[in-house]
Amino acid sequence: MRALIDYMYPLVFKIARSNASRRNDEEDLVQAILTKVFRGLDRFSGQVPFRHWVSRVAVNACMDAIRREKHRPEVSLADLSEQEAQVVEALAASDDNLDPALGMAARDLVQALVSPLRPMEKLLVRLVYLEGFSGEEAAAATGLKTGAVNMRLSRAREKMRARYGKLSKENAI
């Protein structure tokens, strides 16, 4: 059992971290996912690679966690920390790489931009843009067709652009 946990943990942690709404929720989500995997081992048919099956269980558990979130707080630029505001300004002003010191603020800013999205849009944005999944891999992980993934990602990008525009205008005032 320990060997299986050691094998699955990096994958499960990566998926949980990208989908946890708060940093302290990550480990709880990982434990819940690992519990689901162990309880569902008898349902593993072997028709797909084990890592894909574990990914699917993890994605579904993350989707369940996202659905359980009752409120989606709106965040204005005024609510952002000084570092997060610097990230917004740096990203708006340049295409260069972001200063590593602002990495945590960047993660928080991404969370603010992604939080108003629908659960599936949020998951797809995280899988494709933050975790580096291809469209086909995201489709396999979520059970959607590749065209549906692309369409939902397009809509999510539009919503995030609008959200960013709103935050930028609030900052200019």
N, C-alpha and C. Protein backbone atom coordinates (compact mmCIF):
# COMPACT_ATOMS: atom_id res chain seq x y z
N MET A 1 0.83 -1.19 0.00
CA MET A 1 0.00 0.00 0.00
C MET A 1 0.88 1.26 0.00
N ARG A 2 1.97 1.21 0.78
CA ARG A 2 2.86 2.37 0.85
C ARG A 2 3.49 2.65 -0.51
N ALA A 3 3.88 1.59 -1.21
CA ALA A 3 4.49 1.75 -2.53
C ALA A 3 3.49 2.39 -3.51
N LEU A 4 2.24 2.00 -3.41
CA LEU A 4 1.21 2.56 -4.28
C LEU A 4 0.99 4.04 -3.97
N ILE A 5 0.99 4.40 -2.70
CA ILE A 5 0.85 5.81 -2.32
C ILE A 5 2.04 6.61 -2.83
N ASP A 6 3.25 6.08 -2.66
CA ASP A 6 4.43 6.78 -3.15
C ASP A 6 4.37 6.98 -4.66
N TYR A 7 3.82 6.01 -5.37
CA TYR A 7 3.71 6.08 -6.83
C TYR A 7 2.67 7.12 -7.25
N MET A 8 1.53 7.16 -6.55
CA MET A 8 0.42 8.02 -6.95
C MET A 8 0.51 9.43 -6.40
N TYR A 9 1.19 9.62 -5.28
CA TYR A 9 1.16 10.90 -4.58
C TYR A 9 1.53 12.10 -5.45
N PRO A 10 2.63 12.06 -6.22
CA PRO A 10 2.96 13.26 -7.02
C PRO A 10 1.85 13.66 -7.99
N LEU A 11 1.27 12.69 -8.66
CA LEU A 11 0.18 12.97 -9.60
C LEU A 11 -1.04 13.53 -8.88
N VAL A 12 -1.44 12.86 -7.81
CA VAL A 12 -2.62 13.29 -7.05
C VAL A 12 -2.40 14.67 -6.44
N PHE A 13 -1.22 14.90 -5.88
CA PHE A 13 -0.93 16.19 -5.27
C PHE A 13 -0.97 17.31 -6.31
N LYS A 14 -0.42 17.06 -7.49
CA LYS A 14 -0.41 18.06 -8.55
C LYS A 14 -1.84 18.43 -8.95
N ILE A 15 -2.69 17.45 -9.11
CA ILE A 15 -4.08 17.72 -9.49
C ILE A 15 -4.81 18.42 -8.35
N ALA A 16 -4.62 17.95 -7.12
CA ALA A 16 -5.31 18.57 -5.97
C ALA A 16 -4.84 20.00 -5.76
N ARG A 17 -3.53 20.23 -5.88
CA ARG A 17 -3.01 21.58 -5.66
C ARG A 17 -3.57 22.57 -6.67
N SER A 18 -3.73 22.11 -7.90
CA SER A 18 -4.23 23.02 -8.92
C SER A 18 -5.72 23.29 -8.78
N ASN A 19 -6.40 22.49 -7.97
CA ASN A 19 -7.85 22.66 -7.84
C ASN A 19 -8.31 23.04 -6.45
N ALA A 20 -7.44 23.06 -5.49
CA ALA A 20 -7.83 23.44 -4.13
C ALA A 20 -8.05 24.95 -4.08
N SER A 21 -9.11 25.36 -3.44
CA SER A 21 -9.41 26.79 -3.40
C SER A 21 -8.49 27.54 -2.44
N ARG A 22 -8.04 26.88 -1.42
CA ARG A 22 -7.12 27.50 -0.47
C ARG A 22 -5.96 26.55 -0.24
N ARG A 23 -4.81 27.10 0.09
CA ARG A 23 -3.59 26.32 0.26
C ARG A 23 -3.75 25.23 1.31
N ASN A 24 -4.47 25.51 2.40
CA ASN A 24 -4.60 24.52 3.47
C ASN A 24 -5.57 23.39 3.11
N ASP A 25 -6.29 23.52 2.01
CA ASP A 25 -7.21 22.47 1.57
C ASP A 25 -6.51 21.39 0.75
N GLU A 26 -5.30 21.63 0.30
CA GLU A 26 -4.63 20.71 -0.62
C GLU A 26 -4.44 19.33 0.00
N GLU A 27 -3.88 19.26 1.19
CA GLU A 27 -3.60 17.96 1.81
C GLU A 27 -4.89 17.21 2.12
N ASP A 28 -5.92 17.92 2.55
CA ASP A 28 -7.20 17.27 2.80
C ASP A 28 -7.76 16.66 1.52
N LEU A 29 -7.64 17.40 0.43
CA LEU A 29 -8.12 16.91 -0.86
C LEU A 29 -7.31 15.71 -1.32
N VAL A 30 -6.00 15.74 -1.12
CA VAL A 30 -5.15 14.60 -1.49
C VAL A 30 -5.57 13.36 -0.70
N GLN A 31 -5.79 13.52 0.60
CA GLN A 31 -6.21 12.37 1.41
C GLN A 31 -7.55 11.82 0.96
N ALA A 32 -8.47 12.71 0.63
CA ALA A 32 -9.78 12.26 0.16
C ALA A 32 -9.65 11.50 -1.17
N ILE A 33 -8.80 12.00 -2.04
CA ILE A 33 -8.60 11.34 -3.33
C ILE A 33 -7.97 9.96 -3.13
N LEU A 34 -6.92 9.88 -2.31
CA LEU A 34 -6.28 8.59 -2.07
C LEU A 34 -7.25 7.59 -1.44
N THR A 35 -8.10 8.08 -0.55
CA THR A 35 -9.11 7.21 0.04
C THR A 35 -10.06 6.69 -1.02
N LYS A 36 -10.50 7.57 -1.93
CA LYS A 36 -11.38 7.13 -3.02
C LYS A 36 -10.70 6.12 -3.92
N VAL A 37 -9.43 6.33 -4.19
CA VAL A 37 -8.69 5.40 -5.04
C VAL A 37 -8.64 4.02 -4.38
N PHE A 38 -8.29 3.97 -3.10
CA PHE A 38 -8.18 2.68 -2.42
C PHE A 38 -9.53 2.00 -2.28
N ARG A 39 -10.56 2.77 -2.02
CA ARG A 39 -11.89 2.17 -1.91
C ARG A 39 -12.41 1.68 -3.26
N GLY A 40 -11.94 2.30 -4.33
CA GLY A 40 -12.43 1.94 -5.65
C GLY A 40 -11.52 1.04 -6.44
N LEU A 41 -10.48 0.50 -5.82
CA LEU A 41 -9.54 -0.37 -6.55
C LEU A 41 -10.25 -1.55 -7.22
N ASP A 42 -11.29 -2.05 -6.60
CA ASP A 42 -12.01 -3.18 -7.20
C ASP A 42 -12.74 -2.77 -8.48
N ARG A 43 -12.95 -1.48 -8.69
CA ARG A 43 -13.62 -1.01 -9.91
C ARG A 43 -12.64 -0.69 -11.03
N PHE A 44 -11.34 -0.79 -10.77
CA PHE A 44 -10.35 -0.56 -11.81
C PHE A 44 -10.36 -1.76 -12.75
N SER A 45 -10.73 -1.51 -14.00
CA SER A 45 -10.90 -2.60 -14.96
C SER A 45 -9.62 -2.99 -15.68
N GLY A 46 -8.63 -2.11 -15.69
CA GLY A 46 -7.41 -2.40 -16.41
C GLY A 46 -7.47 -2.05 -17.88
N GLN A 47 -8.57 -1.49 -18.34
CA GLN A 47 -8.72 -1.14 -19.76
C GLN A 47 -7.97 0.14 -20.10
N VAL A 48 -7.66 0.94 -19.11
CA VAL A 48 -6.88 2.16 -19.31
C VAL A 48 -5.68 2.07 -18.37
N PRO A 49 -4.61 2.83 -18.65
CA PRO A 49 -3.47 2.82 -17.73
C PRO A 49 -3.90 3.27 -16.32
N PHE A 50 -3.25 2.71 -15.34
CA PHE A 50 -3.60 2.99 -13.95
C PHE A 50 -3.52 4.48 -13.64
N ARG A 51 -2.46 5.15 -14.15
CA ARG A 51 -2.31 6.59 -13.89
C ARG A 51 -3.49 7.38 -14.46
N HIS A 52 -4.03 6.97 -15.60
CA HIS A 52 -5.19 7.67 -16.18
C HIS A 52 -6.41 7.48 -15.29
N TRP A 53 -6.57 6.26 -14.79
CA TRP A 53 -7.70 5.98 -13.91
C TRP A 53 -7.59 6.81 -12.63
N VAL A 54 -6.40 6.87 -12.05
CA VAL A 54 -6.19 7.66 -10.83
C VAL A 54 -6.43 9.14 -11.14
N SER A 55 -5.97 9.61 -12.30
CA SER A 55 -6.21 11.00 -12.69
C SER A 55 -7.70 11.29 -12.77
N ARG A 56 -8.43 10.37 -13.34
CA ARG A 56 -9.87 10.55 -13.48
C ARG A 56 -10.55 10.62 -12.11
N VAL A 57 -10.14 9.73 -11.20
CA VAL A 57 -10.69 9.76 -9.83
C VAL A 57 -10.35 11.09 -9.18
N ALA A 58 -9.11 11.55 -9.35
CA ALA A 58 -8.68 12.82 -8.75
C ALA A 58 -9.45 13.99 -9.32
N VAL A 59 -9.60 14.02 -10.63
CA VAL A 59 -10.34 15.11 -11.27
C VAL A 59 -11.79 15.13 -10.79
N ASN A 60 -12.41 13.96 -10.73
CA ASN A 60 -13.79 13.89 -10.25
C ASN A 60 -13.91 14.35 -8.80
N ALA A 61 -12.95 13.97 -7.97
CA ALA A 61 -12.97 14.41 -6.57
C ALA A 61 -12.80 15.93 -6.48
N CYS A 62 -11.94 16.48 -7.33
CA CYS A 62 -11.76 17.94 -7.35
C CYS A 62 -13.03 18.63 -7.82
N MET A 63 -13.67 18.07 -8.83
CA MET A 63 -14.94 18.65 -9.31
C MET A 63 -15.98 18.64 -8.19
N ASP A 64 -16.05 17.54 -7.45
CA ASP A 64 -16.97 17.47 -6.32
C ASP A 64 -16.66 18.55 -5.29
N ALA A 65 -15.37 18.75 -5.01
CA ALA A 65 -14.97 19.77 -4.03
C ALA A 65 -15.34 21.17 -4.52
N ILE A 66 -15.14 21.41 -5.81
CA ILE A 66 -15.48 22.72 -6.37
C ILE A 66 -16.98 22.95 -6.28
N ARG A 67 -17.77 21.92 -6.57
CA ARG A 67 -19.23 22.05 -6.50
C ARG A 67 -19.70 22.34 -5.08
N ARG A 68 -18.95 21.84 -4.11
CA ARG A 68 -19.35 22.06 -2.71
C ARG A 68 -19.11 23.49 -2.25
N GLU A 69 -18.30 24.21 -2.98
CA GLU A 69 -18.07 25.60 -2.59
C GLU A 69 -19.39 26.36 -2.74
N LYS A 70 -19.84 26.92 -1.67
CA LYS A 70 -21.16 27.56 -1.71
C LYS A 70 -21.14 28.98 -2.25
N HIS A 71 -20.14 29.75 -1.93
CA HIS A 71 -20.11 31.11 -2.43
C HIS A 71 -18.84 31.34 -3.22
N ARG A 72 -18.92 32.21 -4.14
CA ARG A 72 -17.78 32.58 -4.96
C ARG A 72 -17.56 34.08 -4.74
N PRO A 73 -16.69 34.41 -3.80
CA PRO A 73 -16.52 35.83 -3.49
C PRO A 73 -15.94 36.60 -4.66
N GLU A 74 -16.49 37.75 -4.88
CA GLU A 74 -15.98 38.66 -5.91
C GLU A 74 -14.76 39.36 -5.34
N VAL A 75 -13.76 39.51 -6.16
CA VAL A 75 -12.53 40.15 -5.73
C VAL A 75 -12.31 41.37 -6.60
N SER A 76 -12.13 42.52 -5.97
CA SER A 76 -11.80 43.72 -6.73
C SER A 76 -10.31 43.97 -6.60
N LEU A 77 -9.77 44.79 -7.45
CA LEU A 77 -8.35 45.07 -7.39
C LEU A 77 -7.97 45.68 -6.04
N ALA A 78 -8.89 46.40 -5.45
CA ALA A 78 -8.62 47.00 -4.14
C ALA A 78 -8.46 45.91 -3.08
N ASP A 79 -9.07 44.74 -3.30
CA ASP A 79 -8.94 43.64 -2.36
C ASP A 79 -7.63 42.89 -2.50
N LEU A 80 -6.91 43.13 -3.60
CA LEU A 80 -5.65 42.43 -3.82
C LEU A 80 -4.55 43.01 -2.95
N SER A 81 -3.60 42.16 -2.59
CA SER A 81 -2.47 42.64 -1.81
C SER A 81 -1.58 43.50 -2.71
N GLU A 82 -0.63 44.17 -2.10
CA GLU A 82 0.29 45.02 -2.86
C GLU A 82 1.07 44.18 -3.88
N GLN A 83 1.50 42.99 -3.46
CA GLN A 83 2.23 42.11 -4.39
C GLN A 83 1.34 41.66 -5.54
N GLU A 84 0.09 41.31 -5.25
CA GLU A 84 -0.83 40.89 -6.32
C GLU A 84 -1.06 42.03 -7.30
N ALA A 85 -1.20 43.26 -6.79
CA ALA A 85 -1.37 44.42 -7.67
C ALA A 85 -0.12 44.61 -8.54
N GLN A 86 1.07 44.37 -7.98
CA GLN A 86 2.30 44.46 -8.76
C GLN A 86 2.31 43.41 -9.87
N VAL A 87 1.80 42.23 -9.57
CA VAL A 87 1.73 41.17 -10.58
C VAL A 87 0.84 41.61 -11.74
N VAL A 88 -0.32 42.18 -11.42
CA VAL A 88 -1.23 42.65 -12.46
C VAL A 88 -0.54 43.70 -13.31
N GLU A 89 0.12 44.64 -12.68
CA GLU A 89 0.81 45.69 -13.44
C GLU A 89 1.94 45.13 -14.28
N ALA A 90 2.71 44.19 -13.73
CA ALA A 90 3.83 43.59 -14.47
C ALA A 90 3.33 42.79 -15.66
N LEU A 91 2.24 42.05 -15.47
CA LEU A 91 1.70 41.27 -16.57
C LEU A 91 1.10 42.16 -17.66
N ALA A 92 0.50 43.25 -17.25
CA ALA A 92 -0.11 44.16 -18.22
C ALA A 92 0.95 44.93 -19.00
N ALA A 93 2.07 45.21 -18.38
CA ALA A 93 3.08 46.06 -19.00
C ALA A 93 4.07 45.31 -19.88
N SER A 94 4.24 44.01 -19.65
CA SER A 94 5.33 43.31 -20.32
C SER A 94 4.99 41.86 -20.59
N ASP A 95 5.65 41.30 -21.62
CA ASP A 95 5.53 39.88 -21.90
C ASP A 95 6.69 39.09 -21.30
N ASP A 96 7.61 39.78 -20.61
CA ASP A 96 8.76 39.12 -20.02
C ASP A 96 8.32 38.23 -18.86
N ASN A 97 9.24 37.38 -18.44
CA ASN A 97 8.95 36.50 -17.31
C ASN A 97 8.73 37.31 -16.05
N LEU A 98 7.88 36.79 -15.20
CA LEU A 98 7.53 37.43 -13.95
C LEU A 98 8.64 37.22 -12.92
N ASP A 99 8.92 38.24 -12.13
CA ASP A 99 9.91 38.15 -11.06
C ASP A 99 9.53 37.00 -10.12
N PRO A 100 10.45 36.09 -9.84
CA PRO A 100 10.13 34.94 -8.98
C PRO A 100 9.61 35.34 -7.60
N ALA A 101 10.01 36.49 -7.12
CA ALA A 101 9.55 36.94 -5.80
C ALA A 101 8.03 37.16 -5.80
N LEU A 102 7.47 37.38 -6.97
CA LEU A 102 6.03 37.62 -7.07
C LEU A 102 5.25 36.35 -7.42
N GLY A 103 5.91 35.21 -7.41
CA GLY A 103 5.26 33.95 -7.80
C GLY A 103 4.03 33.62 -6.98
N MET A 104 4.12 33.76 -5.67
CA MET A 104 2.98 33.45 -4.82
C MET A 104 1.83 34.42 -5.07
N ALA A 105 2.17 35.67 -5.25
CA ALA A 105 1.14 36.66 -5.56
C ALA A 105 0.50 36.35 -6.91
N ALA A 106 1.29 35.85 -7.85
CA ALA A 106 0.75 35.47 -9.16
C ALA A 106 -0.24 34.33 -9.01
N ARG A 107 0.09 33.36 -8.16
CA ARG A 107 -0.83 32.23 -7.94
C ARG A 107 -2.15 32.73 -7.35
N ASP A 108 -2.05 33.65 -6.40
CA ASP A 108 -3.25 34.20 -5.78
C ASP A 108 -4.08 35.01 -6.80
N LEU A 109 -3.39 35.74 -7.67
CA LEU A 109 -4.09 36.50 -8.69
C LEU A 109 -4.81 35.58 -9.66
N VAL A 110 -4.14 34.52 -10.07
CA VAL A 110 -4.78 33.55 -10.96
C VAL A 110 -6.02 32.97 -10.28
N GLN A 111 -5.90 32.70 -8.99
CA GLN A 111 -7.06 32.19 -8.25
C GLN A 111 -8.21 33.21 -8.28
N ALA A 112 -7.91 34.49 -8.14
CA ALA A 112 -8.95 35.52 -8.18
C ALA A 112 -9.60 35.59 -9.56
N LEU A 113 -8.81 35.42 -10.61
CA LEU A 113 -9.36 35.47 -11.97
C LEU A 113 -10.15 34.22 -12.31
N VAL A 114 -9.76 33.09 -11.76
CA VAL A 114 -10.39 31.82 -12.10
C VAL A 114 -11.61 31.53 -11.22
N SER A 115 -11.65 32.07 -10.02
CA SER A 115 -12.71 31.71 -9.07
C SER A 115 -14.14 31.95 -9.56
N PRO A 116 -14.43 32.99 -10.36
CA PRO A 116 -15.82 33.14 -10.79
C PRO A 116 -16.25 32.17 -11.90
N LEU A 117 -15.33 31.42 -12.47
CA LEU A 117 -15.67 30.50 -13.55
C LEU A 117 -16.53 29.34 -13.05
N ARG A 118 -17.25 28.72 -13.98
CA ARG A 118 -17.99 27.51 -13.65
C ARG A 118 -17.00 26.41 -13.30
N PRO A 119 -17.42 25.43 -12.52
CA PRO A 119 -16.49 24.38 -12.09
C PRO A 119 -15.74 23.69 -13.24
N MET A 120 -16.42 23.33 -14.30
CA MET A 120 -15.73 22.65 -15.39
C MET A 120 -14.77 23.58 -16.12
N GLU A 121 -15.15 24.84 -16.28
CA GLU A 121 -14.25 25.81 -16.91
C GLU A 121 -13.00 25.99 -16.05
N LYS A 122 -13.21 26.10 -14.75
CA LYS A 122 -12.10 26.27 -13.81
C LYS A 122 -11.15 25.07 -13.90
N LEU A 123 -11.71 23.90 -13.92
CA LEU A 123 -10.90 22.69 -14.00
C LEU A 123 -10.11 22.65 -15.31
N LEU A 124 -10.75 22.95 -16.42
CA LEU A 124 -10.08 22.91 -17.72
C LEU A 124 -8.96 23.95 -17.80
N VAL A 125 -9.21 25.15 -17.30
CA VAL A 125 -8.17 26.18 -17.31
C VAL A 125 -6.97 25.70 -16.51
N ARG A 126 -7.22 25.11 -15.37
CA ARG A 126 -6.11 24.64 -14.54
C ARG A 126 -5.37 23.49 -15.21
N LEU A 127 -6.11 22.55 -15.76
CA LEU A 127 -5.45 21.41 -16.40
C LEU A 127 -4.60 21.84 -17.58
N VAL A 128 -5.17 22.66 -18.46
CA VAL A 128 -4.49 23.01 -19.71
C VAL A 128 -3.43 24.09 -19.50
N TYR A 129 -3.79 25.18 -18.85
CA TYR A 129 -2.88 26.32 -18.78
C TYR A 129 -1.93 26.29 -17.59
N LEU A 130 -2.33 25.68 -16.50
CA LEU A 130 -1.47 25.66 -15.33
C LEU A 130 -0.72 24.34 -15.17
N GLU A 131 -1.35 23.25 -15.58
CA GLU A 131 -0.71 21.94 -15.42
C GLU A 131 -0.07 21.44 -16.72
N GLY A 132 -0.35 22.09 -17.84
CA GLY A 132 0.30 21.73 -19.09
C GLY A 132 -0.31 20.53 -19.81
N PHE A 133 -1.54 20.15 -19.47
CA PHE A 133 -2.21 19.08 -20.19
C PHE A 133 -2.49 19.55 -21.62
N SER A 134 -2.48 18.63 -22.56
CA SER A 134 -2.92 18.96 -23.92
C SER A 134 -4.45 18.93 -23.92
N GLY A 135 -5.04 19.44 -24.98
CA GLY A 135 -6.50 19.40 -25.09
C GLY A 135 -7.03 17.98 -25.05
N GLU A 136 -6.31 17.06 -25.70
CA GLU A 136 -6.73 15.66 -25.72
C GLU A 136 -6.62 15.04 -24.34
N GLU A 137 -5.55 15.36 -23.61
CA GLU A 137 -5.38 14.83 -22.25
C GLU A 137 -6.46 15.37 -21.32
N ALA A 138 -6.78 16.65 -21.46
CA ALA A 138 -7.84 17.24 -20.64
C ALA A 138 -9.18 16.60 -20.98
N ALA A 139 -9.41 16.32 -22.26
CA ALA A 139 -10.64 15.67 -22.67
C ALA A 139 -10.73 14.27 -22.06
N ALA A 140 -9.63 13.54 -22.09
CA ALA A 140 -9.61 12.19 -21.51
C ALA A 140 -9.83 12.23 -20.01
N ALA A 141 -9.24 13.22 -19.34
CA ALA A 141 -9.36 13.31 -17.88
C ALA A 141 -10.76 13.71 -17.44
N THR A 142 -11.46 14.49 -18.26
CA THR A 142 -12.78 14.98 -17.86
C THR A 142 -13.93 14.24 -18.50
N GLY A 143 -13.65 13.45 -19.53
CA GLY A 143 -14.71 12.73 -20.22
C GLY A 143 -15.40 13.56 -21.29
N LEU A 144 -14.87 14.74 -21.58
CA LEU A 144 -15.43 15.58 -22.63
C LEU A 144 -14.76 15.28 -23.96
N LYS A 145 -15.36 15.73 -25.04
CA LYS A 145 -14.72 15.63 -26.35
C LYS A 145 -13.76 16.80 -26.49
N THR A 146 -12.75 16.63 -27.34
CA THR A 146 -11.74 17.67 -27.51
C THR A 146 -12.35 18.98 -27.97
N GLY A 147 -13.31 18.94 -28.85
CA GLY A 147 -13.98 20.16 -29.32
C GLY A 147 -14.69 20.89 -28.19
N ALA A 148 -15.31 20.12 -27.31
CA ALA A 148 -16.00 20.72 -26.16
C ALA A 148 -14.99 21.36 -25.21
N VAL A 149 -13.84 20.72 -25.05
CA VAL A 149 -12.79 21.28 -24.20
C VAL A 149 -12.35 22.62 -24.77
N ASN A 150 -12.08 22.65 -26.07
CA ASN A 150 -11.63 23.89 -26.72
C ASN A 150 -12.67 25.00 -26.60
N MET A 151 -13.94 24.65 -26.79
CA MET A 151 -15.02 25.66 -26.70
C MET A 151 -15.12 26.21 -25.27
N ARG A 152 -15.07 25.33 -24.28
CA ARG A 152 -15.17 25.78 -22.89
C ARG A 152 -13.96 26.61 -22.48
N LEU A 153 -12.80 26.24 -22.98
CA LEU A 153 -11.60 27.03 -22.70
C LEU A 153 -11.70 28.42 -23.32
N SER A 154 -12.24 28.50 -24.51
CA SER A 154 -12.41 29.79 -25.17
C SER A 154 -13.35 30.68 -24.36
N ARG A 155 -14.44 30.11 -23.92
CA ARG A 155 -15.39 30.89 -23.10
C ARG A 155 -14.76 31.30 -21.77
N ALA A 156 -14.00 30.41 -21.18
CA ALA A 156 -13.33 30.73 -19.91
C ALA A 156 -12.33 31.85 -20.09
N ARG A 157 -11.56 31.82 -21.19
CA ARG A 157 -10.60 32.90 -21.45
C ARG A 157 -11.32 34.24 -21.60
N GLU A 158 -12.46 34.24 -22.28
CA GLU A 158 -13.23 35.48 -22.42
C GLU A 158 -13.68 36.00 -21.06
N LYS A 159 -14.17 35.13 -20.22
CA LYS A 159 -14.61 35.55 -18.88
C LYS A 159 -13.44 36.09 -18.07
N MET A 160 -12.29 35.42 -18.19
CA MET A 160 -11.11 35.88 -17.44
C MET A 160 -10.62 37.22 -17.98
N ARG A 161 -10.67 37.40 -19.30
CA ARG A 161 -10.29 38.69 -19.89
C ARG A 161 -11.20 39.80 -19.39
N ALA A 162 -12.49 39.52 -19.36
CA ALA A 162 -13.46 40.52 -18.87
C ALA A 162 -13.20 40.82 -17.40
N ARG A 163 -12.92 39.79 -16.62
CA ARG A 163 -12.64 39.97 -15.20
C ARG A 163 -11.37 40.80 -15.00
N TYR A 164 -10.35 40.49 -15.78
CA TYR A 164 -9.10 41.25 -15.71
C TYR A 164 -9.34 42.70 -16.10
N GLY A 165 -10.14 42.92 -17.16
CA GLY A 165 -10.47 44.29 -17.58
C GLY A 165 -11.18 45.06 -16.48
N LYS A 166 -12.08 44.38 -15.80
CA LYS A 166 -12.80 45.02 -14.69
C LYS A 166 -11.82 45.38 -13.57
N LEU A 167 -10.93 44.47 -13.24
CA LEU A 167 -9.95 44.75 -12.19
C LEU A 167 -9.03 45.89 -12.60
N SER A 168 -8.64 45.93 -13.87
CA SER A 168 -7.75 47.00 -14.37
C SER A 168 -8.44 48.36 -14.31
N LYS A 169 -9.71 48.42 -14.70
CA LYS A 169 -10.45 49.69 -14.67
C LYS A 169 -10.61 50.18 -13.24
N GLU A 170 -10.88 49.27 -12.31
CA GLU A 170 -11.02 49.65 -10.92
C GLU A 170 -9.71 50.22 -10.38
N ASN A 171 -8.59 49.69 -10.85
CA ASN A 171 -7.29 50.17 -10.41
C ASN A 171 -6.99 51.57 -10.95
N ALA A 172 -7.48 51.85 -12.16
CA ALA A 172 -7.21 53.14 -12.81
C ALA A 172 -7.99 54.27 -12.14
N ILE A 173 -9.06 53.95 -11.50
CA ILE A 173 -9.92 54.99 -10.90
C ILE A 173 -9.35 55.49 -9.60
